[in-house]
Amino acid sequence: MNFTRSRQTLTLAITGLALVVAQDARSVITIDSSNIFAHQVADAGDDATNLSYNSTSNFLAVAIYGVADANGVSQTSDTPVVTYGGVPMMQAQVGRKSNDEWTAIYYLANPVTGSNNLFIDFTPDLISHTADPTGFFGVVAFSLLGVDIANPVAGAVGVSTGGDITILSETPGEIGADDFLLVSTASDNVESSTIFYDTSSGDGEVSVLSGTHGTTKSYGVFYDSLVASDLTGANSDEVFLDRKQGHSKGTTAVVFNQIPEPASLALMGLGGLLMLSRRREA
């Protein structure tokens, strides 16, 4: 009997897997809800104001301003202490020209949701010095979506004089497109425009509260979702605010940081070949 040896080879191709890290698009900060509160200071003065606000997101920002006519004082020294639902809010920045024009912006991550007290404690009292009430203050509360609650402030500035404003990144590269700019400003003159400042692109800042007080003061709160053309500086991580009016003073400007770019995982083919041989003898 003749014996022959035959060989059969079975080839199996298996596609290898490579892990690739990709960057998704950054989220945009949006306003989920907001509310405006405006108050004239009583003759006897105000030591505190208790407002009811319905928080609807995981980040609360509050812009405050105070102005007074020439014969009155709206805030004698410190800016107020602010709490929401009994929890102290963080003061991001404060700007003041004098006791007569002052602004401040506060924030709170993970506030209790639903209707709660937004308590503003003035120390010392918010006062008016004349028989005619001359002090006036306003509050705008924002429930924001998309803020990086672990690192909310990308940059902040407070000024006490007129002129253009540059907001620098807290750390290099932190301010970027789609971050949220919030500005509160008070002026020692009646301005002719509701927008005191404009970003480099002039893409349309949104005024949520503006007006005049008496014959010598004006105020405004506005916001903007930043675009690439708003950014300046060597690293394109600064915001330049162009003063549109001549007497803008007591200004606070804060850029809130959006949620960081998430890393996504992608599986891609990377050649791989596995050879299996089977020998059969017959």
Protein backbone atom coordinates (compact mmCIF):
# COMPACT_ATOMS: atom_id res chain seq x y z
CA MET A 1 0.00 0.00 0.00
CA ASN A 2 1.29 3.38 -0.94
CA PHE A 3 1.14 6.05 1.57
CA THR A 4 0.99 9.68 0.53
CA ARG A 5 1.20 12.68 2.74
CA SER A 6 -1.08 15.56 1.94
CA ARG A 7 -1.02 18.96 3.55
CA GLN A 8 -3.99 21.24 3.93
CA THR A 9 -3.59 24.76 5.16
CA LEU A 10 -6.43 26.70 6.68
CA THR A 11 -5.96 30.43 6.66
CA LEU A 12 -8.02 32.66 8.91
CA ALA A 13 -7.76 36.45 8.60
CA ILE A 14 -8.70 38.40 11.68
CA THR A 15 -8.90 42.16 11.61
CA GLY A 16 -6.94 43.69 14.46
CA LEU A 17 -8.43 46.41 16.64
CA ALA A 18 -6.75 49.72 17.43
CA LEU A 19 -8.06 52.08 20.09
CA VAL A 20 -8.20 55.70 18.95
CA VAL A 21 -9.11 58.65 21.16
CA ALA A 22 -11.11 61.36 19.40
CA GLN A 23 -12.45 64.70 20.61
CA ASP A 24 -16.14 65.45 20.32
CA ALA A 25 -17.53 68.94 19.75
CA ARG A 26 -17.70 71.13 22.85
CA SER A 27 -21.09 71.72 24.39
CA VAL A 28 -22.69 75.15 24.24
CA ILE A 29 -23.78 76.88 27.45
CA THR A 30 -27.45 77.80 27.26
CA ILE A 31 -29.94 79.58 29.52
CA ASP A 32 -32.53 77.17 30.86
CA SER A 33 -34.46 79.87 32.72
CA SER A 34 -33.93 83.34 34.17
CA ASN A 35 -35.65 86.01 36.20
CA ILE A 36 -35.22 89.78 36.69
CA PHE A 37 -35.67 91.58 40.00
CA ALA A 38 -35.44 95.38 40.28
CA HIS A 39 -35.86 97.36 43.48
CA GLN A 40 -35.75 100.94 44.60
CA VAL A 41 -34.15 101.36 47.98
CA ALA A 42 -36.49 102.58 50.71
CA ASP A 43 -35.82 105.88 52.45
CA ALA A 44 -34.95 104.09 55.65
CA GLY A 45 -32.61 101.75 53.84
CA ASP A 46 -32.55 98.02 53.13
CA ASP A 47 -30.42 95.57 55.09
CA ALA A 48 -31.52 92.48 53.18
CA THR A 49 -33.72 91.38 50.33
CA ASN A 50 -35.38 87.98 50.07
CA LEU A 51 -36.34 86.94 46.54
CA SER A 52 -38.05 83.78 45.34
CA TYR A 53 -36.35 82.06 42.42
CA ASN A 54 -37.05 78.71 40.77
CA SER A 55 -33.74 77.02 39.96
CA THR A 56 -34.07 74.63 37.00
CA SER A 57 -30.50 73.46 36.29
CA ASN A 58 -27.27 72.41 38.01
CA PHE A 59 -25.68 75.87 37.81
CA LEU A 60 -26.97 79.22 39.07
CA ALA A 61 -25.41 82.59 38.15
CA VAL A 62 -26.57 85.90 39.63
CA ALA A 63 -25.64 89.38 38.37
CA ILE A 64 -26.25 92.34 40.70
CA TYR A 65 -25.83 96.08 40.24
CA GLY A 66 -26.45 99.12 42.41
CA VAL A 67 -26.68 102.79 41.46
CA ALA A 68 -27.52 105.99 43.32
CA ASP A 69 -28.33 109.53 42.33
CA ALA A 70 -25.95 112.34 43.16
CA ASN A 71 -27.53 112.96 46.55
CA GLY A 72 -27.68 109.37 47.72
CA VAL A 73 -25.54 106.34 48.35
CA SER A 74 -26.52 102.85 47.23
CA GLN A 75 -23.83 100.87 49.02
CA THR A 76 -21.53 102.23 51.66
CA SER A 77 -18.77 99.63 51.57
CA ASP A 78 -18.90 95.90 51.03
CA THR A 79 -20.81 94.10 48.32
CA PRO A 80 -23.60 91.84 49.62
CA VAL A 81 -23.47 88.27 50.84
CA VAL A 82 -25.75 86.11 48.69
CA THR A 83 -27.27 82.71 49.51
CA TYR A 84 -29.65 80.45 47.61
CA GLY A 85 -31.72 77.90 49.48
CA GLY A 86 -29.60 78.70 52.51
CA VAL A 87 -26.31 77.85 50.72
CA PRO A 88 -23.73 80.65 50.26
CA MET A 89 -23.03 81.58 46.66
CA MET A 90 -19.47 82.17 45.44
CA GLN A 91 -18.53 85.71 44.44
CA ALA A 92 -16.87 85.47 41.03
CA GLN A 93 -15.89 89.12 40.82
CA VAL A 94 -16.88 92.62 41.87
CA GLY A 95 -16.45 96.02 40.22
CA ARG A 96 -17.16 99.45 41.61
CA LYS A 97 -16.55 103.03 40.61
CA SER A 98 -17.48 104.32 44.03
CA ASN A 99 -20.22 103.74 46.58
CA ASP A 100 -22.64 105.07 43.96
CA GLU A 101 -22.02 102.52 41.18
CA TRP A 102 -21.16 98.93 41.98
CA THR A 103 -21.65 95.52 40.40
CA ALA A 104 -21.02 91.90 41.34
CA ILE A 105 -21.55 88.41 39.91
CA TYR A 106 -22.12 85.28 41.99
CA TYR A 107 -22.52 81.59 41.18
CA LEU A 108 -23.48 78.28 42.75
CA ALA A 109 -22.91 74.76 41.42
CA ASN A 110 -25.56 72.10 42.04
CA PRO A 111 -28.12 74.40 43.68
CA VAL A 112 -31.23 72.85 45.13
CA THR A 113 -33.87 72.83 42.40
CA GLY A 114 -37.35 74.25 42.63
CA SER A 115 -38.51 77.50 44.19
CA ASN A 116 -36.20 78.70 46.95
CA ASN A 117 -35.09 81.90 48.59
CA LEU A 118 -32.42 84.01 46.89
CA PHE A 119 -31.29 86.01 49.91
CA ILE A 120 -29.14 89.13 49.49
CA ASP A 121 -27.68 90.46 52.72
CA PHE A 122 -26.32 94.01 52.56
CA THR A 123 -23.65 94.76 55.13
CA PRO A 124 -23.81 97.60 55.94
CA ASP A 125 -27.30 98.53 54.89
CA LEU A 126 -28.16 99.63 51.39
CA ILE A 127 -29.26 103.19 52.04
CA SER A 128 -30.50 106.45 50.63
CA HIS A 129 -29.36 109.66 52.27
CA THR A 130 -32.15 111.99 51.19
CA ALA A 131 -35.91 112.14 51.61
CA ASP A 132 -36.28 111.27 47.95
CA PRO A 133 -35.37 107.59 47.46
CA THR A 134 -32.21 107.65 45.42
CA GLY A 135 -30.82 104.13 45.68
CA PHE A 136 -31.71 101.46 43.12
CA PHE A 137 -30.46 97.93 42.64
CA GLY A 138 -31.24 95.08 40.31
CA VAL A 139 -30.71 91.32 40.25
CA VAL A 140 -30.76 88.92 37.31
CA ALA A 141 -30.68 85.18 38.06
CA PHE A 142 -29.76 82.61 35.38
CA SER A 143 -30.12 78.83 35.46
CA LEU A 144 -27.45 77.68 33.01
CA LEU A 145 -26.94 74.36 31.22
CA GLY A 146 -23.55 73.12 30.05
CA VAL A 147 -21.28 74.83 32.60
CA ASP A 148 -18.27 72.92 33.89
CA ILE A 149 -19.36 72.82 37.52
CA ALA A 150 -15.96 71.49 38.61
CA ASN A 151 -14.20 74.53 37.12
CA PRO A 152 -16.87 77.11 36.29
CA VAL A 153 -14.93 80.38 35.95
CA ALA A 154 -12.70 80.62 32.88
CA GLY A 155 -11.90 84.29 33.44
CA ALA A 156 -13.21 87.29 35.38
CA VAL A 157 -12.49 90.99 35.76
CA GLY A 158 -13.88 93.86 37.83
CA VAL A 159 -13.14 97.48 37.02
CA SER A 160 -13.83 100.83 38.65
CA THR A 161 -13.05 103.18 35.76
CA GLY A 162 -14.27 103.72 32.24
CA GLY A 163 -12.43 102.28 29.26
CA ASP A 164 -12.12 99.05 27.33
CA ILE A 165 -11.88 95.76 29.23
CA THR A 166 -9.82 92.63 28.57
CA ILE A 167 -10.80 89.39 30.29
CA LEU A 168 -7.84 87.03 30.68
CA SER A 169 -8.02 83.25 31.02
CA GLU A 170 -7.64 81.93 34.55
CA THR A 171 -5.21 79.43 33.03
CA PRO A 172 -3.77 79.56 29.48
CA GLY A 173 -6.24 78.44 26.84
CA GLU A 174 -9.19 78.16 29.20
CA ILE A 175 -11.44 80.78 27.56
CA GLY A 176 -12.78 79.47 24.26
CA ALA A 177 -15.62 79.63 21.78
CA ASP A 178 -19.07 78.73 23.17
CA ASP A 179 -18.13 79.86 26.67
CA PHE A 180 -20.68 82.15 28.32
CA LEU A 181 -19.94 85.84 28.94
CA LEU A 182 -21.97 87.63 31.62
CA VAL A 183 -21.54 91.37 32.27
CA SER A 184 -23.06 93.68 34.86
CA THR A 185 -22.24 97.37 34.58
CA ALA A 186 -23.26 100.69 36.14
CA SER A 187 -22.48 104.17 34.86
CA ASP A 188 -22.12 107.60 36.42
CA ASN A 189 -23.90 109.11 33.43
CA VAL A 190 -27.09 108.49 31.48
CA GLU A 191 -25.88 106.46 28.52
CA SER A 192 -27.57 106.59 25.13
CA SER A 193 -27.34 102.86 24.47
CA THR A 194 -28.50 99.77 26.32
CA ILE A 195 -25.20 98.03 25.50
CA PHE A 196 -22.24 99.52 27.33
CA TYR A 197 -19.64 97.17 25.85
CA ASP A 198 -19.32 95.04 22.75
CA THR A 199 -17.11 92.03 22.01
CA SER A 200 -14.61 92.10 19.17
CA SER A 201 -16.95 90.40 16.71
CA GLY A 202 -19.96 92.51 17.61
CA ASP A 203 -22.10 89.44 16.96
CA GLY A 204 -24.99 90.65 19.09
CA GLU A 205 -24.79 90.67 22.86
CA VAL A 206 -28.16 90.20 24.53
CA SER A 207 -29.29 92.89 26.97
CA VAL A 208 -31.55 91.43 29.64
CA LEU A 209 -31.84 94.43 31.94
CA SER A 210 -31.00 98.07 31.23
CA GLY A 211 -32.23 101.53 32.01
CA THR A 212 -31.59 104.82 33.74
CA HIS A 213 -31.93 105.96 37.32
CA GLY A 214 -32.67 109.58 38.03
CA THR A 215 -30.90 112.03 35.77
CA THR A 216 -27.32 110.91 36.25
CA LYS A 217 -27.10 107.09 36.31
CA SER A 218 -27.66 104.12 34.05
CA TYR A 219 -27.14 100.37 34.31
CA GLY A 220 -27.19 97.19 32.27
CA VAL A 221 -26.80 93.42 32.43
CA PHE A 222 -26.07 91.47 29.25
CA TYR A 223 -24.68 88.15 28.09
CA ASP A 224 -23.11 86.59 25.01
CA SER A 225 -22.24 83.10 23.81
CA LEU A 226 -18.67 83.60 22.64
CA VAL A 227 -17.61 82.85 19.07
CA ALA A 228 -14.09 82.42 17.73
CA SER A 229 -13.93 86.01 16.46
CA ASP A 230 -14.60 87.28 20.01
CA LEU A 231 -11.28 85.84 21.16
CA THR A 232 -8.07 87.84 21.09
CA GLY A 233 -4.53 87.65 22.46
CA ALA A 234 -1.53 85.59 21.51
CA ASN A 235 -3.24 82.34 22.45
CA SER A 236 -6.74 83.39 21.34
CA ASP A 237 -7.93 82.92 24.90
CA GLU A 238 -8.82 86.49 25.89
CA VAL A 239 -12.03 88.49 25.46
CA PHE A 240 -11.82 92.17 24.55
CA LEU A 241 -14.81 94.32 25.44
CA ASP A 242 -14.99 97.54 23.47
CA ARG A 243 -16.56 100.37 25.47
CA LYS A 244 -19.45 101.73 23.41
CA GLN A 245 -20.30 104.58 25.78
CA GLY A 246 -18.15 107.17 27.45
CA HIS A 247 -18.89 106.71 31.15
CA SER A 248 -19.21 102.98 31.78
CA LYS A 249 -17.86 102.32 35.25
CA GLY A 250 -18.34 99.86 38.05
CA THR A 251 -18.28 96.86 35.70
CA THR A 252 -18.02 93.14 36.42
CA ALA A 253 -17.45 90.66 33.58
CA VAL A 254 -17.19 86.87 33.98
CA VAL A 255 -16.67 84.10 31.43
CA PHE A 256 -18.14 80.78 32.53
CA ASN A 257 -16.41 77.65 31.33
CA GLN A 258 -18.29 75.04 29.38
CA ILE A 259 -18.10 71.31 30.05
CA PRO A 260 -14.70 69.99 28.85
CA GLU A 261 -14.45 68.21 25.54
CA PRO A 262 -15.30 64.56 26.18
CA ALA A 263 -12.95 61.89 24.89
CA SER A 264 -14.67 59.31 22.69
CA LEU A 265 -13.29 55.92 21.80
CA ALA A 266 -13.18 54.62 18.24
CA LEU A 267 -12.19 51.15 17.05
CA MET A 268 -10.33 51.12 13.76
CA GLY A 269 -8.85 48.32 11.67
CA LEU A 270 -5.15 47.73 11.87
CA GLY A 271 -3.94 44.73 9.73
CA GLY A 272 -3.50 41.47 11.48
CA LEU A 273 -3.24 37.98 10.10
CA LEU A 274 -3.37 34.73 11.93
CA MET A 275 -2.26 31.61 10.13
CA LEU A 276 -3.53 28.32 11.31
CA SER A 277 -2.13 25.22 9.75
CA ARG A 278 -3.60 21.83 9.98
CA ARG A 279 -1.74 18.83 8.75
CA ARG A 280 -3.63 15.76 7.77
CA GLU A 281 -1.95 12.54 7.04
CA ALA A 282 -3.64 9.89 5.03
